[in-house]
Amino acid sequence: MQPQHVRNSHVLLTLRCECVQSREKLLQNVWGHNNTGDSRIVDTHVTRLRGKLGAPGDIIRTVRGFGYKNEV
């Protein structure tokens, strides 16, 4: 599995609960750091993950100004 796919999978697993996850929390859990200047990298990976999932990608909801939520 390529590193990008591993990270995308890790993002999905981190969002496995139905609670809201901040971008900073995802950075810490997936990339191992909490540099808020890098929070857009989370957006990029979520966008790619949604594209790969197709219609099921709709389960990842954006919480504006905060992060993401899994709505299963």
PDB file of N, CA and C in Angstrom:
ATOM      1  N   MET A   1       0.838  -1.171   0.000  1.00  0.00           N
ATOM      2  CA  MET A   1       0.000   0.000   0.000  1.00  0.00           C
ATOM      3  C   MET A   1       0.889   1.243   0.000  1.00  0.00           C
ATOM      4  N   GLN A   2       0.575   2.212  -0.824  1.00  0.00           N
ATOM      5  CA  GLN A   2       1.363   3.436  -0.901  1.00  0.00           C
ATOM      6  C   GLN A   2       1.122   4.294   0.344  1.00  0.00           C
ATOM      7  N   PRO A   3       2.112   5.117   0.726  1.00  0.00           N
ATOM      8  CA  PRO A   3       1.973   5.951   1.927  1.00  0.00           C
ATOM      9  C   PRO A   3       0.708   6.804   1.937  1.00  0.00           C
ATOM     10  N   GLN A   4       0.334   7.344   0.777  1.00  0.00           N
ATOM     11  CA  GLN A   4      -0.877   8.164   0.715  1.00  0.00           C
ATOM     12  C   GLN A   4      -2.105   7.335   1.062  1.00  0.00           C
ATOM     13  N   HIS A   5      -2.163   6.095   0.579  1.00  0.00           N
ATOM     14  CA  HIS A   5      -3.300   5.231   0.870  1.00  0.00           C
ATOM     15  C   HIS A   5      -3.332   4.856   2.347  1.00  0.00           C
ATOM     16  N   VAL A   6      -2.170   4.684   2.930  1.00  0.00           N
ATOM     17  CA  VAL A   6      -2.099   4.380   4.364  1.00  0.00           C
ATOM     18  C   VAL A   6      -2.658   5.550   5.156  1.00  0.00           C
ATOM     19  N   ARG A   7      -2.251   6.763   4.803  1.00  0.00           N
ATOM     20  CA  ARG A   7      -2.747   7.954   5.508  1.00  0.00           C
ATOM     21  C   ARG A   7      -4.252   8.108   5.319  1.00  0.00           C
ATOM     22  N   ASN A   8      -4.743   7.902   4.092  1.00  0.00           N
ATOM     23  CA  ASN A   8      -6.182   8.002   3.852  1.00  0.00           C
ATOM     24  C   ASN A   8      -6.936   6.985   4.690  1.00  0.00           C
ATOM     25  N   SER A   9      -6.412   5.782   4.774  1.00  0.00           N
ATOM     26  CA  SER A   9      -7.042   4.746   5.592  1.00  0.00           C
ATOM     27  C   SER A   9      -7.029   5.131   7.059  1.00  0.00           C
ATOM     28  N   HIS A  10      -5.928   5.716   7.497  1.00  0.00           N
ATOM     29  CA  HIS A  10      -5.812   6.132   8.894  1.00  0.00           C
ATOM     30  C   HIS A  10      -6.802   7.255   9.207  1.00  0.00           C
ATOM     31  N   VAL A  11      -6.993   8.187   8.275  1.00  0.00           N
ATOM     32  CA  VAL A  11      -7.993   9.246   8.461  1.00  0.00           C
ATOM     33  C   VAL A  11      -9.366   8.621   8.634  1.00  0.00           C
ATOM     34  N   LEU A  12      -9.696   7.664   7.769  1.00  0.00           N
ATOM     35  CA  LEU A  12     -10.999   7.008   7.847  1.00  0.00           C
ATOM     36  C   LEU A  12     -11.171   6.284   9.173  1.00  0.00           C
ATOM     37  N   LEU A  13     -10.145   5.581   9.623  1.00  0.00           N
ATOM     38  CA  LEU A  13     -10.231   4.874  10.898  1.00  0.00           C
ATOM     39  C   LEU A  13     -10.352   5.834  12.071  1.00  0.00           C
ATOM     40  N   THR A  14      -9.679   6.978  11.994  1.00  0.00           N
ATOM     41  CA  THR A  14      -9.771   7.971  13.056  1.00  0.00           C
ATOM     42  C   THR A  14     -11.181   8.539  13.126  1.00  0.00           C
ATOM     43  N   LEU A  15     -11.851   8.607  11.985  1.00  0.00           N
ATOM     44  CA  LEU A  15     -13.216   9.123  11.941  1.00  0.00           C
ATOM     45  C   LEU A  15     -14.264   8.034  12.171  1.00  0.00           C
ATOM     46  N   ARG A  16     -13.852   6.894  12.670  1.00  0.00           N
ATOM     47  CA  ARG A  16     -14.764   5.759  12.813  1.00  0.00           C
ATOM     48  C   ARG A  16     -15.898   6.030  13.794  1.00  0.00           C
ATOM     49  N   CYS A  17     -15.672   6.869  14.787  1.00  0.00           N
ATOM     50  CA  CYS A  17     -16.746   7.203  15.717  1.00  0.00           C
ATOM     51  C   CYS A  17     -17.604   8.302  15.102  1.00  0.00           C
ATOM     52  N   GLU A  18     -18.777   8.522  15.663  1.00  0.00           N
ATOM     53  CA  GLU A  18     -19.674   9.541  15.134  1.00  0.00           C
ATOM     54  C   GLU A  18     -19.442  10.897  15.783  1.00  0.00           C
ATOM     55  N   CYS A  19     -18.331  11.061  16.493  1.00  0.00           N
ATOM     56  CA  CYS A  19     -18.028  12.341  17.121  1.00  0.00           C
ATOM     57  C   CYS A  19     -17.272  13.233  16.141  1.00  0.00           C
ATOM     58  N   VAL A  20     -17.302  14.518  16.396  1.00  0.00           N
ATOM     59  CA  VAL A  20     -16.592  15.473  15.548  1.00  0.00           C
ATOM     60  C   VAL A  20     -15.114  15.440  15.898  1.00  0.00           C
ATOM     61  N   GLN A  21     -14.267  15.347  14.872  1.00  0.00           N
ATOM     62  CA  GLN A  21     -12.816  15.355  15.055  1.00  0.00           C
ATOM     63  C   GLN A  21     -12.265  16.652  14.472  1.00  0.00           C
ATOM     64  N   SER A  22     -11.529  17.396  15.264  1.00  0.00           N
ATOM     65  CA  SER A  22     -10.927  18.629  14.755  1.00  0.00           C
ATOM     66  C   SER A  22      -9.798  18.293  13.786  1.00  0.00           C
ATOM     67  N   ARG A  23      -9.472  19.245  12.948  1.00  0.00           N
ATOM     68  CA  ARG A  23      -8.344  19.061  12.034  1.00  0.00           C
ATOM     69  C   ARG A  23      -7.061  18.822  12.822  1.00  0.00           C
ATOM     70  N   GLU A  24      -6.914  19.556  13.922  1.00  0.00           N
ATOM     71  CA  GLU A  24      -5.716  19.416  14.751  1.00  0.00           C
ATOM     72  C   GLU A  24      -5.618  18.017  15.355  1.00  0.00           C
ATOM     73  N   LYS A  25      -6.747  17.466  15.787  1.00  0.00           N
ATOM     74  CA  LYS A  25      -6.760  16.110  16.353  1.00  0.00           C
ATOM     75  C   LYS A  25      -6.393  15.088  15.275  1.00  0.00           C
ATOM     76  N   LEU A  26      -6.911  15.279  14.071  1.00  0.00           N
ATOM     77  CA  LEU A  26      -6.559  14.383  12.970  1.00  0.00           C
ATOM     78  C   LEU A  26      -5.075  14.493  12.638  1.00  0.00           C
ATOM     79  N   LEU A  27      -4.536  15.716  12.643  1.00  0.00           N
ATOM     80  CA  LEU A  27      -3.098  15.889  12.412  1.00  0.00           C
ATOM     81  C   LEU A  27      -2.293  15.108  13.439  1.00  0.00           C
ATOM     82  N   GLN A  28      -2.701  15.200  14.689  1.00  0.00           N
ATOM     83  CA  GLN A  28      -1.981  14.506  15.758  1.00  0.00           C
ATOM     84  C   GLN A  28      -2.082  12.991  15.590  1.00  0.00           C
ATOM     85  N   ASN A  29      -3.280  12.500  15.330  1.00  0.00           N
ATOM     86  CA  ASN A  29      -3.500  11.051  15.243  1.00  0.00           C
ATOM     87  C   ASN A  29      -2.906  10.415  13.995  1.00  0.00           C
ATOM     88  N   VAL A  30      -2.949  11.117  12.861  1.00  0.00           N
ATOM     89  CA  VAL A  30      -2.517  10.531  11.593  1.00  0.00           C
ATOM     90  C   VAL A  30      -1.073  10.873  11.258  1.00  0.00           C
ATOM     91  N   TRP A  31      -0.693  12.137  11.447  1.00  0.00           N
ATOM     92  CA  TRP A  31       0.648  12.577  11.052  1.00  0.00           C
ATOM     93  C   TRP A  31       1.608  12.706  12.231  1.00  0.00           C
ATOM     94  N   GLY A  32       1.090  12.628  13.447  1.00  0.00           N
ATOM     95  CA  GLY A  32       1.951  12.641  14.623  1.00  0.00           C
ATOM     96  C   GLY A  32       2.411  14.015  15.070  1.00  0.00           C
ATOM     97  N   HIS A  33       1.772  15.073  14.594  1.00  0.00           N
ATOM     98  CA  HIS A  33       2.113  16.415  15.074  1.00  0.00           C
ATOM     99  C   HIS A  33       0.857  17.271  15.115  1.00  0.00           C
ATOM    100  N   ASN A  34       0.957  18.400  15.777  1.00  0.00           N
ATOM    101  CA  ASN A  34      -0.201  19.271  15.952  1.00  0.00           C
ATOM    102  C   ASN A  34       0.135  20.690  15.509  1.00  0.00           C
ATOM    103  N   ASN A  35       0.676  20.833  14.325  1.00  0.00           N
ATOM    104  CA  ASN A  35       1.020  22.140  13.781  1.00  0.00           C
ATOM    105  C   ASN A  35      -0.191  22.675  13.031  1.00  0.00           C
ATOM    106  N   THR A  36      -0.896  23.635  13.621  1.00  0.00           N
ATOM    107  CA  THR A  36      -2.130  24.132  13.012  1.00  0.00           C
ATOM    108  C   THR A  36      -1.901  24.746  11.634  1.00  0.00           C
ATOM    109  N   GLY A  37      -0.686  25.136  11.322  1.00  0.00           N
ATOM    110  CA  GLY A  37      -0.385  25.664   9.995  1.00  0.00           C
ATOM    111  C   GLY A  37      -0.506  24.615   8.909  1.00  0.00           C
ATOM    112  N   ASP A  38      -0.497  23.350   9.293  1.00  0.00           N
ATOM    113  CA  ASP A  38      -0.602  22.245   8.337  1.00  0.00           C
ATOM    114  C   ASP A  38      -2.007  21.656   8.265  1.00  0.00           C
ATOM    115  N   SER A  39      -2.996  22.312   8.864  1.00  0.00           N
ATOM    116  CA  SER A  39      -4.326  21.710   8.951  1.00  0.00           C
ATOM    117  C   SER A  39      -4.980  21.504   7.587  1.00  0.00           C
ATOM    118  N   ARG A  40      -4.563  22.226   6.568  1.00  0.00           N
ATOM    119  CA  ARG A  40      -5.148  22.046   5.235  1.00  0.00           C
ATOM    120  C   ARG A  40      -4.724  20.727   4.602  1.00  0.00           C
ATOM    121  N   ILE A  41      -3.665  20.133   5.089  1.00  0.00           N
ATOM    122  CA  ILE A  41      -3.273  18.811   4.581  1.00  0.00           C
ATOM    123  C   ILE A  41      -4.369  17.791   4.899  1.00  0.00           C
ATOM    124  N   VAL A  42      -5.053  17.980   6.018  1.00  0.00           N
ATOM    125  CA  VAL A  42      -6.172  17.108   6.381  1.00  0.00           C
ATOM    126  C   VAL A  42      -7.277  17.262   5.340  1.00  0.00           C
ATOM    127  N   ASP A  43      -7.593  18.504   4.969  1.00  0.00           N
ATOM    128  CA  ASP A  43      -8.628  18.749   3.963  1.00  0.00           C
ATOM    129  C   ASP A  43      -8.299  18.052   2.648  1.00  0.00           C
ATOM    130  N   THR A  44      -7.048  18.126   2.255  1.00  0.00           N
ATOM    131  CA  THR A  44      -6.609  17.496   1.015  1.00  0.00           C
ATOM    132  C   THR A  44      -6.818  15.990   1.065  1.00  0.00           C
ATOM    133  N   HIS A  45      -6.433  15.366   2.158  1.00  0.00           N
ATOM    134  CA  HIS A  45      -6.579  13.912   2.270  1.00  0.00           C
ATOM    135  C   HIS A  45      -8.043  13.493   2.376  1.00  0.00           C
ATOM    136  N   VAL A  46      -8.856  14.272   3.057  1.00  0.00           N
ATOM    137  CA  VAL A  46     -10.284  13.952   3.138  1.00  0.00           C
ATOM    138  C   VAL A  46     -10.918  14.056   1.752  1.00  0.00           C
ATOM    139  N   THR A  47     -10.548  15.071   0.986  1.00  0.00           N
ATOM    140  CA  THR A  47     -11.067  15.216  -0.380  1.00  0.00           C
ATOM    141  C   THR A  47     -10.684  14.008  -1.231  1.00  0.00           C
ATOM    142  N   ARG A  48      -9.436  13.591  -1.148  1.00  0.00           N
ATOM    143  CA  ARG A  48      -8.985  12.412  -1.906  1.00  0.00           C
ATOM    144  C   ARG A  48      -9.713  11.152  -1.447  1.00  0.00           C
ATOM    145  N   LEU A  49      -9.896  11.030  -0.152  1.00  0.00           N
ATOM    146  CA  LEU A  49     -10.577   9.865   0.397  1.00  0.00           C
ATOM    147  C   LEU A  49     -12.028   9.821  -0.074  1.00  0.00           C
ATOM    148  N   ARG A  50     -12.700  10.956  -0.045  1.00  0.00           N
ATOM    149  CA  ARG A  50     -14.079  11.015  -0.545  1.00  0.00           C
ATOM    150  C   ARG A  50     -14.140  10.598  -2.012  1.00  0.00           C
ATOM    151  N   GLY A  51     -13.191  11.053  -2.804  1.00  0.00           N
ATOM    152  CA  GLY A  51     -13.154  10.689  -4.220  1.00  0.00           C
ATOM    153  C   GLY A  51     -12.983   9.196  -4.428  1.00  0.00           C
ATOM    154  N   LYS A  52     -12.137   8.590  -3.626  1.00  0.00           N
ATOM    155  CA  LYS A  52     -11.899   7.144  -3.749  1.00  0.00           C
ATOM    156  C   LYS A  52     -13.101   6.329  -3.279  1.00  0.00           C
ATOM    157  N   LEU A  53     -13.824   6.843  -2.289  1.00  0.00           N
ATOM    158  CA  LEU A  53     -14.990   6.138  -1.772  1.00  0.00           C
ATOM    159  C   LEU A  53     -16.203   6.281  -2.679  1.00  0.00           C
ATOM    160  N   GLY A  54     -16.231   7.324  -3.503  1.00  0.00           N
ATOM    161  CA  GLY A  54     -17.397   7.575  -4.344  1.00  0.00           C
ATOM    162  C   GLY A  54     -18.578   7.986  -3.480  1.00  0.00           C
ATOM    163  N   ALA A  55     -19.755   7.450  -3.773  1.00  0.00           N
ATOM    164  CA  ALA A  55     -20.962   7.803  -3.020  1.00  0.00           C
ATOM    165  C   ALA A  55     -20.818   7.564  -1.519  1.00  0.00           C
ATOM    166  N   PRO A  56     -20.168   6.464  -1.086  1.00  0.00           N
ATOM    167  CA  PRO A  56     -19.992   6.280   0.353  1.00  0.00           C
ATOM    168  C   PRO A  56     -19.154   7.381   1.005  1.00  0.00           C
ATOM    169  N   GLY A  57     -18.441   8.178   0.195  1.00  0.00           N
ATOM    170  CA  GLY A  57     -17.657   9.282   0.735  1.00  0.00           C
ATOM    171  C   GLY A  57     -18.517  10.349   1.392  1.00  0.00           C
ATOM    172  N   ASP A  58     -19.832  10.300   1.099  1.00  0.00           N
ATOM    173  CA  ASP A  58     -20.757  11.247   1.706  1.00  0.00           C
ATOM    174  C   ASP A  58     -20.886  11.052   3.210  1.00  0.00           C
ATOM    175  N   ILE A  59     -20.390   9.942   3.722  1.00  0.00           N
ATOM    176  CA  ILE A  59     -20.485   9.710   5.164  1.00  0.00           C
ATOM    177  C   ILE A  59     -19.539  10.607   5.949  1.00  0.00           C
ATOM    178  N   ILE A  60     -18.551  11.198   5.274  1.00  0.00           N
ATOM    179  CA  ILE A  60     -17.618  12.104   5.948  1.00  0.00           C
ATOM    180  C   ILE A  60     -18.155  13.518   5.777  1.00  0.00           C
ATOM    181  N   ARG A  61     -18.674  14.067   6.851  1.00  0.00           N
ATOM    182  CA  ARG A  61     -19.261  15.406   6.826  1.00  0.00           C
ATOM    183  C   ARG A  61     -18.264  16.444   7.324  1.00  0.00           C
ATOM    184  N   THR A  62     -18.251  17.587   6.676  1.00  0.00           N
ATOM    185  CA  THR A  62     -17.415  18.700   7.111  1.00  0.00           C
ATOM    186  C   THR A  62     -18.161  19.480   8.182  1.00  0.00           C
ATOM    187  N   VAL A  63     -17.482  19.772   9.269  1.00  0.00           N
ATOM    188  CA  VAL A  63     -18.013  20.647  10.308  1.00  0.00           C
ATOM    189  C   VAL A  63     -17.273  21.965  10.122  1.00  0.00           C
ATOM    190  N   ARG A  64     -17.945  22.909   9.521  1.00  0.00           N
ATOM    191  CA  ARG A  64     -17.311  24.161   9.084  1.00  0.00           C
ATOM    192  C   ARG A  64     -16.523  24.834  10.206  1.00  0.00           C
ATOM    193  N   GLY A  65     -15.284  25.162   9.877  1.00  0.00           N
ATOM    194  CA  GLY A  65     -14.421  25.875  10.809  1.00  0.00           C
ATOM    195  C   GLY A  65     -13.838  25.018  11.918  1.00  0.00           C
ATOM    196  N   PHE A  66     -14.105  23.692  11.876  1.00  0.00           N
ATOM    197  CA  PHE A  66     -13.613  22.839  12.957  1.00  0.00           C
ATOM    198  C   PHE A  66     -12.926  21.581  12.464  1.00  0.00           C
ATOM    199  N   GLY A  67     -13.664  20.737  11.740  1.00  0.00           N
ATOM    200  CA  GLY A  67     -13.070  19.468  11.325  1.00  0.00           C
ATOM    201  C   GLY A  67     -14.053  18.602  10.558  1.00  0.00           C
ATOM    202  N   TYR A  68     -14.133  17.331  10.951  1.00  0.00           N
ATOM    203  CA  TYR A  68     -14.937  16.366  10.212  1.00  0.00           C
ATOM    204  C   TYR A  68     -15.674  15.429  11.155  1.00  0.00           C
ATOM    205  N   LYS A  69     -16.745  14.841  10.612  1.00  0.00           N
ATOM    206  CA  LYS A  69     -17.559  13.898  11.370  1.00  0.00           C
ATOM    207  C   LYS A  69     -17.958  12.752  10.455  1.00  0.00           C
ATOM    208  N   ASN A  70     -17.940  11.550  10.995  1.00  0.00           N
ATOM    209  CA  ASN A  70     -18.391  10.362  10.282  1.00  0.00           C
ATOM    210  C   ASN A  70     -19.864  10.168  10.617  1.00  0.00           C
ATOM    211  N   GLU A  71     -20.705  10.150   9.605  1.00  0.00           N
ATOM    212  CA  GLU A  71     -22.139   9.972   9.826  1.00  0.00           C
ATOM    213  C   GLU A  71     -22.596   8.650   9.235  1.00  0.00           C
ATOM    214  N   VAL A  72     -22.381   7.607   9.979  1.00  0.00           N
ATOM    215  CA  VAL A  72     -22.798   6.270   9.537  1.00  0.00           C
ATOM    216  C   VAL A  72     -24.089   5.923  10.218  1.00  0.00           C
TER     217      VAL A  72
END
